[in-house]
Amino acid sequence: MKNSFTVLLLAMLLVGCNFSKKKNTTELASSNLSQSEHPGKKLMETNCYVCHSPTADEYNRNGPPMVAIKRRYITNNTTKEDFIQAMLTWTNQPSKDKALMYGAVQRYGVMPKLVYPEETITQIADYMYRFDIEQPEWFEDHYQQQNRQGLQPGMGMKQKQQSYRNNQTLTPKARGLNYVSTTQNVLGKNLIEAIEKQGLLEALSFCNEKAYPLTDSMAAKHNASIKRVTDKPRNKSNMVSPEELEYIKIFKTLNTNNVQSEPIIITQENQVKFYYPITTNTMCLQCHGKPNETLKANTLHKIKQLYPNDKAIGYTENEVRGIWSVTFNK
């Protein structure tokens, strides 16, 4: 059996000795932070990648990648303060009138208004402005083509077919990340729409009734087994196995020590098992946060009605809440 488990165990031993605790985000203005240390990096990954993933393919997305946003908003004359203010203005009240990315709005629609602390958006924008950020493999060609001439008629189907063929030759890591990101995109998009149209309390029913069928449909699409499991389940069907629990512990240790998590990949004779952490963001805390703080009393009451044995509360932002457990054929 080949796997990356040993590498992660070594990483766990190292982090206890060599990595400092996470920095308080309020230190940013007077700090000289490296890219890996900057708090905006983790905030962007946990809050933005549900819709703006750098690993999702071009045709299974809920929004443009973050690098596309950066290139559209930042020109030679744009200061960091200008960019931060533009991001704050947009996220506070998204609308067609304020949009600079007209093609993205036409394709994905206007993003819903999500309540994020100003500090969170400021840190993310500061990180985006200062550093090169991760971009999808397809992005550069797409960007250059759009700048030259736009999409040619009929090219979309050809590119979709090529995307499918390429998926068959991806590495196990890339395949696993693709399965996770596309499934997360579908769940995230439907949840955000449910919250926007029906409100948070009614959206709880969406999670109760629709999350499993949507996940199963993505598993069927990818010809894989795709599960979300946790040690603190809301639904008992999401309870981890003993083996999966050990992987959750590894991801929690890495996260506590501010170490970027890589997937755990177990390669067997005919199959690949892929594990990747699920971390909490601001939106998650509306239903998984601390009672009477980020989790309101009426929401908690509704949760108890739907899930009498619920254990999935008490989280703060950027905690490992569970893992993706994906199995697929080689």
C-alpha atoms as a PDB file:
ATOM      1  CA  MET A   1       0.000   0.000   0.000  1.00  0.00           C
ATOM      2  CA  LYS A   2       1.359   3.340  -1.042  1.00  0.00           C
ATOM      3  CA  ASN A   3       0.234   6.492   0.701  1.00  0.00           C
ATOM      4  CA  SER A   4       1.111   9.945   1.896  1.00  0.00           C
ATOM      5  CA  PHE A   5       0.219   9.070   5.485  1.00  0.00           C
ATOM      6  CA  THR A   6       3.849   8.834   6.605  1.00  0.00           C
ATOM      7  CA  VAL A   7       4.614  12.279   5.240  1.00  0.00           C
ATOM      8  CA  LEU A   8       1.744  13.754   7.219  1.00  0.00           C
ATOM      9  CA  LEU A   9       2.829  12.015  10.407  1.00  0.00           C
ATOM     10  CA  LEU A  10       6.290  13.513   9.987  1.00  0.00           C
ATOM     11  CA  ALA A  11       4.705  16.896   9.402  1.00  0.00           C
ATOM     12  CA  MET A  12       2.793  16.538  12.653  1.00  0.00           C
ATOM     13  CA  LEU A  13       6.003  15.835  14.554  1.00  0.00           C
ATOM     14  CA  LEU A  14       7.678  18.848  13.010  1.00  0.00           C
ATOM     15  CA  VAL A  15       4.919  21.351  13.598  1.00  0.00           C
ATOM     16  CA  GLY A  16       4.985  20.868  17.343  1.00  0.00           C
ATOM     17  CA  CYS A  17       8.590  22.104  17.409  1.00  0.00           C
ATOM     18  CA  ASN A  18       8.915  24.500  14.517  1.00  0.00           C
ATOM     19  CA  PHE A  19       5.654  26.408  13.990  1.00  0.00           C
ATOM     20  CA  SER A  20       4.387  29.308  16.061  1.00  0.00           C
ATOM     21  CA  LYS A  21       0.752  29.867  16.939  1.00  0.00           C
ATOM     22  CA  LYS A  22      -1.519  31.780  14.568  1.00  0.00           C
ATOM     23  CA  LYS A  23      -1.038  35.517  14.536  1.00  0.00           C
ATOM     24  CA  ASN A  24      -3.779  37.857  15.556  1.00  0.00           C
ATOM     25  CA  THR A  25      -5.168  39.484  12.415  1.00  0.00           C
ATOM     26  CA  THR A  26      -5.076  42.909  14.031  1.00  0.00           C
ATOM     27  CA  GLU A  27      -1.257  42.787  13.872  1.00  0.00           C
ATOM     28  CA  LEU A  28      -1.314  42.981  10.097  1.00  0.00           C
ATOM     29  CA  ALA A  29      -0.895  46.731   9.671  1.00  0.00           C
ATOM     30  CA  SER A  30       2.451  46.738  11.493  1.00  0.00           C
ATOM     31  CA  SER A  31       3.667  43.264  10.508  1.00  0.00           C
ATOM     32  CA  ASN A  32       5.935  41.996   7.771  1.00  0.00           C
ATOM     33  CA  LEU A  33       4.108  38.739   7.162  1.00  0.00           C
ATOM     34  CA  SER A  34       5.162  36.120   4.649  1.00  0.00           C
ATOM     35  CA  GLN A  35       2.587  34.738   2.238  1.00  0.00           C
ATOM     36  CA  SER A  36       2.040  31.565   4.272  1.00  0.00           C
ATOM     37  CA  GLU A  37       1.688  33.529   7.531  1.00  0.00           C
ATOM     38  CA  HIS A  38      -0.735  36.153   6.247  1.00  0.00           C
ATOM     39  CA  PRO A  39      -4.163  35.614   7.884  1.00  0.00           C
ATOM     40  CA  GLY A  40      -5.925  36.598   4.661  1.00  0.00           C
ATOM     41  CA  LYS A  41      -4.743  33.404   2.974  1.00  0.00           C
ATOM     42  CA  LYS A  42      -6.641  31.103   5.313  1.00  0.00           C
ATOM     43  CA  LEU A  43      -9.621  33.453   5.445  1.00  0.00           C
ATOM     44  CA  MET A  44      -9.848  33.409   1.648  1.00  0.00           C
ATOM     45  CA  GLU A  45      -9.603  29.627   1.508  1.00  0.00           C
ATOM     46  CA  THR A  46     -12.300  29.068   4.119  1.00  0.00           C
ATOM     47  CA  ASN A  47     -14.710  31.854   3.136  1.00  0.00           C
ATOM     48  CA  CYS A  48     -14.322  32.245  -0.628  1.00  0.00           C
ATOM     49  CA  TYR A  49     -13.354  28.912  -2.138  1.00  0.00           C
ATOM     50  CA  VAL A  50     -16.842  27.396  -1.871  1.00  0.00           C
ATOM     51  CA  CYS A  51     -17.766  29.471  -4.928  1.00  0.00           C
ATOM     52  CA  HIS A  52     -14.385  30.740  -6.168  1.00  0.00           C
ATOM     53  CA  SER A  53     -12.336  27.537  -5.998  1.00  0.00           C
ATOM     54  CA  PRO A  54      -8.922  27.460  -7.725  1.00  0.00           C
ATOM     55  CA  THR A  55      -9.276  23.713  -8.388  1.00  0.00           C
ATOM     56  CA  ALA A  56     -12.760  23.477  -9.933  1.00  0.00           C
ATOM     57  CA  ASP A  57     -12.789  23.158 -13.696  1.00  0.00           C
ATOM     58  CA  GLU A  58     -14.033  25.881 -15.994  1.00  0.00           C
ATOM     59  CA  TYR A  59     -17.527  24.438 -16.380  1.00  0.00           C
ATOM     60  CA  ASN A  60     -18.385  23.358 -12.828  1.00  0.00           C
ATOM     61  CA  ARG A  61     -18.167  26.630 -10.936  1.00  0.00           C
ATOM     62  CA  ASN A  62     -20.348  28.987  -8.915  1.00  0.00           C
ATOM     63  CA  GLY A  63     -18.194  32.045  -9.558  1.00  0.00           C
ATOM     64  CA  PRO A  64     -14.938  33.219 -11.149  1.00  0.00           C
ATOM     65  CA  PRO A  65     -11.641  32.235  -9.500  1.00  0.00           C
ATOM     66  CA  MET A  66     -10.165  34.759  -7.083  1.00  0.00           C
ATOM     67  CA  VAL A  67      -7.276  35.460  -9.443  1.00  0.00           C
ATOM     68  CA  ALA A  68      -9.787  36.684 -12.058  1.00  0.00           C
ATOM     69  CA  ILE A  69     -11.228  39.117  -9.512  1.00  0.00           C
ATOM     70  CA  LYS A  70      -7.751  40.368  -8.697  1.00  0.00           C
ATOM     71  CA  ARG A  71      -6.851  40.964 -12.344  1.00  0.00           C
ATOM     72  CA  ARG A  72     -10.101  42.764 -13.065  1.00  0.00           C
ATOM     73  CA  TYR A  73      -9.958  45.099 -10.079  1.00  0.00           C
ATOM     74  CA  ILE A  74      -6.234  45.845  -9.860  1.00  0.00           C
ATOM     75  CA  THR A  75      -4.556  47.990 -12.526  1.00  0.00           C
ATOM     76  CA  ASN A  76      -1.202  49.757 -12.546  1.00  0.00           C
ATOM     77  CA  ASN A  77      -2.784  52.716 -10.757  1.00  0.00           C
ATOM     78  CA  THR A  78      -4.736  50.794  -8.104  1.00  0.00           C
ATOM     79  CA  THR A  79      -3.492  51.270  -4.547  1.00  0.00           C
ATOM     80  CA  LYS A  80      -3.977  48.688  -1.835  1.00  0.00           C
ATOM     81  CA  GLU A  81      -6.425  51.010  -0.091  1.00  0.00           C
ATOM     82  CA  ASP A  82      -8.413  51.391  -3.332  1.00  0.00           C
ATOM     83  CA  PHE A  83      -8.648  47.623  -3.754  1.00  0.00           C
ATOM     84  CA  ILE A  84      -9.660  46.970  -0.153  1.00  0.00           C
ATOM     85  CA  GLN A  85     -12.378  49.610  -0.396  1.00  0.00           C
ATOM     86  CA  ALA A  86     -13.643  48.155  -3.681  1.00  0.00           C
ATOM     87  CA  MET A  87     -13.937  44.696  -2.089  1.00  0.00           C
ATOM     88  CA  LEU A  88     -15.728  46.115   0.953  1.00  0.00           C
ATOM     89  CA  THR A  89     -18.137  48.089  -1.221  1.00  0.00           C
ATOM     90  CA  TRP A  90     -18.976  45.064  -3.373  1.00  0.00           C
ATOM     91  CA  THR A  91     -19.439  42.553  -0.551  1.00  0.00           C
ATOM     92  CA  ASN A  92     -21.509  44.963   1.527  1.00  0.00           C
ATOM     93  CA  GLN A  93     -24.067  45.419  -1.251  1.00  0.00           C
ATOM     94  CA  PRO A  94     -23.537  43.323  -4.412  1.00  0.00           C
ATOM     95  CA  SER A  95     -25.554  44.553  -7.389  1.00  0.00           C
ATOM     96  CA  LYS A  96     -25.413  44.659 -11.187  1.00  0.00           C
ATOM     97  CA  ASP A  97     -24.947  48.420 -11.051  1.00  0.00           C
ATOM     98  CA  LYS A  98     -21.732  48.060  -9.033  1.00  0.00           C
ATOM     99  CA  ALA A  99     -20.331  45.103 -10.977  1.00  0.00           C
ATOM    100  CA  LEU A 100     -17.039  45.397 -12.858  1.00  0.00           C
ATOM    101  CA  MET A 101     -17.011  41.757 -13.965  1.00  0.00           C
ATOM    102  CA  TYR A 102     -19.928  41.903 -16.384  1.00  0.00           C
ATOM    103  CA  GLY A 103     -19.266  38.508 -17.949  1.00  0.00           C
ATOM    104  CA  ALA A 104     -19.145  36.816 -14.551  1.00  0.00           C
ATOM    105  CA  VAL A 105     -22.423  38.426 -13.490  1.00  0.00           C
ATOM    106  CA  GLN A 106     -24.043  37.324 -16.742  1.00  0.00           C
ATOM    107  CA  ARG A 107     -22.821  33.759 -16.285  1.00  0.00           C
ATOM    108  CA  TYR A 108     -23.175  33.238 -12.526  1.00  0.00           C
ATOM    109  CA  GLY A 109     -25.573  35.981 -11.488  1.00  0.00           C
ATOM    110  CA  VAL A 110     -24.959  38.575  -8.778  1.00  0.00           C
ATOM    111  CA  MET A 111     -23.478  36.972  -5.681  1.00  0.00           C
ATOM    112  CA  PRO A 112     -25.806  36.982  -2.665  1.00  0.00           C
ATOM    113  CA  LYS A 113     -25.116  39.374   0.163  1.00  0.00           C
ATOM    114  CA  LEU A 114     -23.216  37.444   2.830  1.00  0.00           C
ATOM    115  CA  VAL A 115     -22.553  38.923   6.238  1.00  0.00           C
ATOM    116  CA  TYR A 116     -18.794  38.897   6.783  1.00  0.00           C
ATOM    117  CA  PRO A 117     -16.949  41.057   9.317  1.00  0.00           C
ATOM    118  CA  GLU A 118     -15.203  44.036   7.725  1.00  0.00           C
ATOM    119  CA  GLU A 119     -11.937  42.752   9.187  1.00  0.00           C
ATOM    120  CA  THR A 120     -12.318  39.468   7.262  1.00  0.00           C
ATOM    121  CA  ILE A 121     -12.809  41.192   3.898  1.00  0.00           C
ATOM    122  CA  THR A 122      -9.963  43.615   4.652  1.00  0.00           C
ATOM    123  CA  GLN A 123      -7.547  40.786   5.413  1.00  0.00           C
ATOM    124  CA  ILE A 124      -8.541  38.838   2.297  1.00  0.00           C
ATOM    125  CA  ALA A 125      -8.178  41.904   0.064  1.00  0.00           C
ATOM    126  CA  ASP A 126      -4.827  42.796   1.634  1.00  0.00           C
ATOM    127  CA  TYR A 127      -3.569  39.267   0.951  1.00  0.00           C
ATOM    128  CA  MET A 128      -4.829  39.308  -2.637  1.00  0.00           C
ATOM    129  CA  TYR A 129      -3.164  42.650  -3.295  1.00  0.00           C
ATOM    130  CA  ARG A 130       0.204  41.712  -1.812  1.00  0.00           C
ATOM    131  CA  PHE A 131       0.746  38.217  -3.140  1.00  0.00           C
ATOM    132  CA  ASP A 132       0.361  36.022  -6.195  1.00  0.00           C
ATOM    133  CA  ILE A 133      -2.620  33.775  -5.537  1.00  0.00           C
ATOM    134  CA  GLU A 134      -3.432  30.270  -6.682  1.00  0.00           C
ATOM    135  CA  GLN A 135      -5.105  29.973 -10.058  1.00  0.00           C
ATOM    136  CA  PRO A 136      -6.726  27.092 -11.977  1.00  0.00           C
ATOM    137  CA  GLU A 137      -4.618  25.329 -14.597  1.00  0.00           C
ATOM    138  CA  TRP A 138      -7.008  26.431 -17.325  1.00  0.00           C
ATOM    139  CA  PHE A 139      -7.162  30.084 -16.277  1.00  0.00           C
ATOM    140  CA  GLU A 140      -4.200  31.613 -18.104  1.00  0.00           C
ATOM    141  CA  ASP A 141      -5.245  30.278 -21.511  1.00  0.00           C
ATOM    142  CA  HIS A 142      -8.831  31.352 -20.848  1.00  0.00           C
ATOM    143  CA  TYR A 143      -7.719  34.822 -19.758  1.00  0.00           C
ATOM    144  CA  GLN A 144      -5.483  35.380 -22.779  1.00  0.00           C
ATOM    145  CA  GLN A 145      -8.138  34.091 -25.150  1.00  0.00           C
ATOM    146  CA  GLN A 146     -10.776  36.377 -23.665  1.00  0.00           C
ATOM    147  CA  ASN A 147      -8.447  39.328 -24.029  1.00  0.00           C
ATOM    148  CA  ARG A 148      -7.665  38.500 -27.646  1.00  0.00           C
ATOM    149  CA  GLN A 149     -11.035  37.696 -29.132  1.00  0.00           C
ATOM    150  CA  GLY A 150     -13.555  36.245 -26.708  1.00  0.00           C
ATOM    151  CA  LEU A 151     -14.978  32.743 -27.032  1.00  0.00           C
ATOM    152  CA  GLN A 152     -15.570  31.540 -30.577  1.00  0.00           C
ATOM    153  CA  PRO A 153     -18.973  30.054 -31.483  1.00  0.00           C
ATOM    154  CA  GLY A 154     -19.136  26.349 -30.753  1.00  0.00           C
ATOM    155  CA  MET A 155     -15.967  26.305 -28.669  1.00  0.00           C
ATOM    156  CA  GLY A 156     -17.754  25.680 -25.384  1.00  0.00           C
ATOM    157  CA  MET A 157     -18.782  22.094 -26.170  1.00  0.00           C
ATOM    158  CA  LYS A 158     -15.346  21.283 -27.541  1.00  0.00           C
ATOM    159  CA  GLN A 159     -13.716  22.555 -24.372  1.00  0.00           C
ATOM    160  CA  LYS A 160     -16.158  20.610 -22.192  1.00  0.00           C
ATOM    161  CA  GLN A 161     -15.252  17.411 -24.030  1.00  0.00           C
ATOM    162  CA  GLN A 162     -11.555  18.188 -23.612  1.00  0.00           C
ATOM    163  CA  SER A 163     -12.115  18.866 -19.907  1.00  0.00           C
ATOM    164  CA  TYR A 164     -13.697  15.423 -19.515  1.00  0.00           C
ATOM    165  CA  ARG A 165     -10.811  13.720 -21.326  1.00  0.00           C
ATOM    166  CA  ASN A 166      -8.263  15.591 -19.239  1.00  0.00           C
ATOM    167  CA  ASN A 167      -9.955  14.425 -16.040  1.00  0.00           C
ATOM    168  CA  GLN A 168      -9.202  10.836 -16.948  1.00  0.00           C
ATOM    169  CA  THR A 169      -5.451  11.548 -16.908  1.00  0.00           C
ATOM    170  CA  LEU A 170      -5.289  13.666 -13.752  1.00  0.00           C
ATOM    171  CA  THR A 171      -3.222  12.576 -10.770  1.00  0.00           C
ATOM    172  CA  PRO A 172      -5.125  11.015  -7.831  1.00  0.00           C
ATOM    173  CA  LYS A 173      -4.642  14.251  -5.890  1.00  0.00           C
ATOM    174  CA  ALA A 174      -6.035  16.396  -8.707  1.00  0.00           C
ATOM    175  CA  ARG A 175      -8.953  14.018  -9.278  1.00  0.00           C
ATOM    176  CA  GLY A 176      -9.826  13.981  -5.589  1.00  0.00           C
ATOM    177  CA  LEU A 177      -9.664  17.763  -5.315  1.00  0.00           C
ATOM    178  CA  ASN A 178     -11.833  18.075  -8.411  1.00  0.00           C
ATOM    179  CA  TYR A 179     -14.472  15.714  -7.004  1.00  0.00           C
ATOM    180  CA  VAL A 180     -14.470  17.573  -3.680  1.00  0.00           C
ATOM    181  CA  SER A 181     -14.557  21.077  -5.154  1.00  0.00           C
ATOM    182  CA  THR A 182     -17.324  20.350  -7.667  1.00  0.00           C
ATOM    183  CA  THR A 183     -19.464  18.677  -4.996  1.00  0.00           C
ATOM    184  CA  GLN A 184     -18.797  21.501  -2.557  1.00  0.00           C
ATOM    185  CA  ASN A 185     -19.717  24.007  -5.260  1.00  0.00           C
ATOM    186  CA  VAL A 186     -23.082  22.331  -5.849  1.00  0.00           C
ATOM    187  CA  LEU A 187     -23.878  22.128  -2.138  1.00  0.00           C
ATOM    188  CA  GLY A 188     -22.686  25.681  -1.479  1.00  0.00           C
ATOM    189  CA  LYS A 189     -24.591  27.172  -4.385  1.00  0.00           C
ATOM    190  CA  ASN A 190     -27.842  25.469  -3.403  1.00  0.00           C
ATOM    191  CA  LEU A 191     -27.447  26.370   0.269  1.00  0.00           C
ATOM    192  CA  ILE A 192     -26.740  30.031  -0.486  1.00  0.00           C
ATOM    193  CA  GLU A 193     -29.763  30.166  -2.800  1.00  0.00           C
ATOM    194  CA  ALA A 194     -31.938  28.566  -0.107  1.00  0.00           C
ATOM    195  CA  ILE A 195     -30.786  31.097   2.499  1.00  0.00           C
ATOM    196  CA  GLU A 196     -31.293  33.991   0.100  1.00  0.00           C
ATOM    197  CA  LYS A 197     -34.781  32.923  -1.015  1.00  0.00           C
ATOM    198  CA  GLN A 198     -36.221  31.335   2.128  1.00  0.00           C
ATOM    199  CA  GLY A 199     -34.134  32.559   5.056  1.00  0.00           C
ATOM    200  CA  LEU A 200     -31.805  30.711   7.368  1.00  0.00           C
ATOM    201  CA  LEU A 201     -34.407  28.699   9.287  1.00  0.00           C
ATOM    202  CA  GLU A 202     -35.976  27.278   6.146  1.00  0.00           C
ATOM    203  CA  ALA A 203     -32.528  26.584   4.725  1.00  0.00           C
ATOM    204  CA  LEU A 204     -31.990  24.138   7.596  1.00  0.00           C
ATOM    205  CA  SER A 205     -34.643  21.984   5.962  1.00  0.00           C
ATOM    206  CA  PHE A 206     -32.590  22.086   2.766  1.00  0.00           C
ATOM    207  CA  CYS A 207     -29.638  20.545   4.608  1.00  0.00           C
ATOM    208  CA  ASN A 208     -31.946  17.957   6.132  1.00  0.00           C
ATOM    209  CA  GLU A 209     -33.628  16.959   2.879  1.00  0.00           C
ATOM    210  CA  LYS A 210     -31.419  17.889  -0.071  1.00  0.00           C
ATOM    211  CA  ALA A 211     -27.749  17.628   0.929  1.00  0.00           C
ATOM    212  CA  TYR A 212     -27.596  13.842   0.651  1.00  0.00           C
ATOM    213  CA  PRO A 213     -29.319  13.580  -2.761  1.00  0.00           C
ATOM    214  CA  LEU A 214     -27.097  16.345  -4.159  1.00  0.00           C
ATOM    215  CA  THR A 215     -23.956  14.649  -2.850  1.00  0.00           C
ATOM    216  CA  ASP A 216     -25.109  11.307  -4.240  1.00  0.00           C
ATOM    217  CA  SER A 217     -25.797  12.871  -7.635  1.00  0.00           C
ATOM    218  CA  MET A 218     -22.244  14.228  -7.771  1.00  0.00           C
ATOM    219  CA  ALA A 219     -20.891  10.836  -6.712  1.00  0.00           C
ATOM    220  CA  ALA A 220     -22.791   9.235  -9.584  1.00  0.00           C
ATOM    221  CA  LYS A 221     -21.507  11.879 -11.994  1.00  0.00           C
ATOM    222  CA  HIS A 222     -17.898  11.211 -10.992  1.00  0.00           C
ATOM    223  CA  ASN A 223     -18.353   7.438 -10.613  1.00  0.00           C
ATOM    224  CA  ALA A 224     -17.003   7.692  -7.075  1.00  0.00           C
ATOM    225  CA  SER A 225     -18.068   7.362  -3.450  1.00  0.00           C
ATOM    226  CA  ILE A 226     -18.264  10.865  -1.917  1.00  0.00           C
ATOM    227  CA  LYS A 227     -19.066  11.390   1.762  1.00  0.00           C
ATOM    228  CA  ARG A 228     -18.780  14.166   4.333  1.00  0.00           C
ATOM    229  CA  VAL A 229     -18.025  12.703   7.752  1.00  0.00           C
ATOM    230  CA  THR A 230     -17.327  14.153  11.190  1.00  0.00           C
ATOM    231  CA  ASP A 231     -16.630  13.252  14.802  1.00  0.00           C
ATOM    232  CA  LYS A 232     -19.427  15.634  15.900  1.00  0.00           C
ATOM    233  CA  PRO A 233     -22.315  14.746  13.592  1.00  0.00           C
ATOM    234  CA  ARG A 234     -25.604  16.524  13.108  1.00  0.00           C
ATOM    235  CA  ASN A 235     -26.936  13.502  11.294  1.00  0.00           C
ATOM    236  CA  LYS A 236     -25.753  10.110  12.555  1.00  0.00           C
ATOM    237  CA  SER A 237     -25.172   9.008   8.953  1.00  0.00           C
ATOM    238  CA  ASN A 238     -22.213  11.412   8.872  1.00  0.00           C
ATOM    239  CA  MET A 239     -20.373   9.728  11.765  1.00  0.00           C
ATOM    240  CA  VAL A 240     -16.741   8.905  11.016  1.00  0.00           C
ATOM    241  CA  SER A 241     -15.298   5.414  10.979  1.00  0.00           C
ATOM    242  CA  PRO A 242     -12.380   4.675  13.351  1.00  0.00           C
ATOM    243  CA  GLU A 243      -9.940   5.045  10.441  1.00  0.00           C
ATOM    244  CA  GLU A 244     -11.440   8.357   9.329  1.00  0.00           C
ATOM    245  CA  LEU A 245     -11.310   9.648  12.900  1.00  0.00           C
ATOM    246  CA  GLU A 246      -7.518   9.311  12.869  1.00  0.00           C
ATOM    247  CA  TYR A 247      -7.345  11.434   9.723  1.00  0.00           C
ATOM    248  CA  ILE A 248      -9.558  14.097  11.301  1.00  0.00           C
ATOM    249  CA  LYS A 249      -7.149  14.226  14.242  1.00  0.00           C
ATOM    250  CA  ILE A 250      -4.234  14.765  11.854  1.00  0.00           C
ATOM    251  CA  PHE A 251      -5.990  17.613  10.041  1.00  0.00           C
ATOM    252  CA  LYS A 252      -6.964  19.228  13.345  1.00  0.00           C
ATOM    253  CA  THR A 253      -3.359  19.136  14.540  1.00  0.00           C
ATOM    254  CA  LEU A 254      -2.085  20.677  11.312  1.00  0.00           C
ATOM    255  CA  ASN A 255      -4.777  23.357  11.428  1.00  0.00           C
ATOM    256  CA  THR A 256      -4.029  24.228  15.059  1.00  0.00           C
ATOM    257  CA  ASN A 257      -0.382  24.756  14.136  1.00  0.00           C
ATOM    258  CA  ASN A 258      -1.287  26.872  11.085  1.00  0.00           C
ATOM    259  CA  VAL A 259       0.107  24.323   8.634  1.00  0.00           C
ATOM    260  CA  GLN A 260      -1.426  24.042   5.175  1.00  0.00           C
ATOM    261  CA  SER A 261      -3.191  20.674   4.881  1.00  0.00           C
ATOM    262  CA  GLU A 262      -2.522  18.404   1.937  1.00  0.00           C
ATOM    263  CA  PRO A 263      -4.923  15.585   1.065  1.00  0.00           C
ATOM    264  CA  ILE A 264      -4.311  12.193   2.622  1.00  0.00           C
ATOM    265  CA  ILE A 265      -4.213   9.718  -0.247  1.00  0.00           C
ATOM    266  CA  ILE A 266      -4.284   5.947   0.266  1.00  0.00           C
ATOM    267  CA  THR A 267      -3.511   4.051  -2.932  1.00  0.00           C
ATOM    268  CA  GLN A 268      -4.714   0.454  -3.023  1.00  0.00           C
ATOM    269  CA  GLU A 269      -4.603  -2.160  -5.746  1.00  0.00           C
ATOM    270  CA  ASN A 270      -7.572  -0.925  -7.738  1.00  0.00           C
ATOM    271  CA  GLN A 271      -8.817   2.056  -5.762  1.00  0.00           C
ATOM    272  CA  VAL A 272      -7.762   5.387  -4.337  1.00  0.00           C
ATOM    273  CA  LYS A 273      -9.028   6.698  -0.996  1.00  0.00           C
ATOM    274  CA  PHE A 274      -8.854  10.470  -0.651  1.00  0.00           C
ATOM    275  CA  TYR A 275      -9.377  12.522   2.518  1.00  0.00           C
ATOM    276  CA  TYR A 276      -9.522  16.304   2.803  1.00  0.00           C
ATOM    277  CA  PRO A 277     -10.536  18.625   5.674  1.00  0.00           C
ATOM    278  CA  ILE A 278     -13.785  20.571   5.949  1.00  0.00           C
ATOM    279  CA  THR A 279     -13.175  23.858   7.770  1.00  0.00           C
ATOM    280  CA  THR A 280     -15.685  26.341   9.148  1.00  0.00           C
ATOM    281  CA  ASN A 281     -16.220  29.813   7.739  1.00  0.00           C
ATOM    282  CA  THR A 282     -18.459  32.701   8.751  1.00  0.00           C
ATOM    283  CA  MET A 283     -21.483  31.294   6.927  1.00  0.00           C
ATOM    284  CA  CYS A 284     -21.061  27.889   8.617  1.00  0.00           C
ATOM    285  CA  LEU A 285     -21.219  29.447  12.070  1.00  0.00           C
ATOM    286  CA  GLN A 286     -24.807  30.584  11.560  1.00  0.00           C
ATOM    287  CA  CYS A 287     -25.778  26.926  12.041  1.00  0.00           C
ATOM    288  CA  HIS A 288     -22.649  25.420  13.630  1.00  0.00           C
ATOM    289  CA  GLY A 289     -21.374  28.226  15.864  1.00  0.00           C
ATOM    290  CA  LYS A 290     -21.573  28.910  19.583  1.00  0.00           C
ATOM    291  CA  PRO A 291     -25.089  29.286  21.023  1.00  0.00           C
ATOM    292  CA  ASN A 292     -26.106  32.889  21.732  1.00  0.00           C
ATOM    293  CA  GLU A 293     -22.970  34.150  19.990  1.00  0.00           C
ATOM    294  CA  THR A 294     -22.759  33.199  16.310  1.00  0.00           C
ATOM    295  CA  LEU A 295     -25.647  30.706  16.616  1.00  0.00           C
ATOM    296  CA  LYS A 296     -28.952  32.440  17.387  1.00  0.00           C
ATOM    297  CA  ALA A 297     -31.491  30.961  19.799  1.00  0.00           C
ATOM    298  CA  ASN A 298     -34.250  30.520  17.185  1.00  0.00           C
ATOM    299  CA  THR A 299     -31.821  28.748  14.853  1.00  0.00           C
ATOM    300  CA  LEU A 300     -30.700  26.424  17.641  1.00  0.00           C
ATOM    301  CA  HIS A 301     -34.346  25.658  18.450  1.00  0.00           C
ATOM    302  CA  LYS A 302     -34.992  24.686  14.819  1.00  0.00           C
ATOM    303  CA  ILE A 303     -31.856  22.528  14.753  1.00  0.00           C
ATOM    304  CA  LYS A 304     -33.028  20.646  17.843  1.00  0.00           C
ATOM    305  CA  GLN A 305     -36.385  20.029  16.162  1.00  0.00           C
ATOM    306  CA  LEU A 306     -34.783  18.570  13.045  1.00  0.00           C
ATOM    307  CA  TYR A 307     -31.836  16.876  14.759  1.00  0.00           C
ATOM    308  CA  PRO A 308     -32.621  15.961  18.400  1.00  0.00           C
ATOM    309  CA  ASN A 309     -29.187  14.363  18.873  1.00  0.00           C
ATOM    310  CA  ASP A 310     -27.199  17.126  17.175  1.00  0.00           C
ATOM    311  CA  LYS A 311     -23.551  17.500  18.186  1.00  0.00           C
ATOM    312  CA  ALA A 312     -22.410  19.833  15.391  1.00  0.00           C
ATOM    313  CA  ILE A 313     -22.362  23.147  17.260  1.00  0.00           C
ATOM    314  CA  GLY A 314     -19.870  25.150  19.293  1.00  0.00           C
ATOM    315  CA  TYR A 315     -17.425  25.858  16.474  1.00  0.00           C
ATOM    316  CA  THR A 316     -15.480  29.032  15.807  1.00  0.00           C
ATOM    317  CA  GLU A 317     -14.157  30.213  12.452  1.00  0.00           C
ATOM    318  CA  ASN A 318     -11.491  28.130  10.700  1.00  0.00           C
ATOM    319  CA  GLU A 319     -11.875  24.930  12.714  1.00  0.00           C
ATOM    320  CA  VAL A 320     -11.784  21.466  11.167  1.00  0.00           C
ATOM    321  CA  ARG A 321     -15.396  20.279  11.365  1.00  0.00           C
ATOM    322  CA  GLY A 322     -14.962  17.052   9.448  1.00  0.00           C
ATOM    323  CA  ILE A 323     -13.458  15.582   6.303  1.00  0.00           C
ATOM    324  CA  TRP A 324     -14.344  14.652   2.776  1.00  0.00           C
ATOM    325  CA  SER A 325     -13.998  10.893   2.349  1.00  0.00           C
ATOM    326  CA  VAL A 326     -13.795   9.999  -1.341  1.00  0.00           C
ATOM    327  CA  THR A 327     -13.121   6.632  -2.969  1.00  0.00           C
ATOM    328  CA  PHE A 328     -12.625   6.168  -6.699  1.00  0.00           C
ATOM    329  CA  ASN A 329     -11.136   3.675  -9.137  1.00  0.00           C
ATOM    330  CA  LYS A 330      -7.611   4.133 -10.425  1.00  0.00           C
END
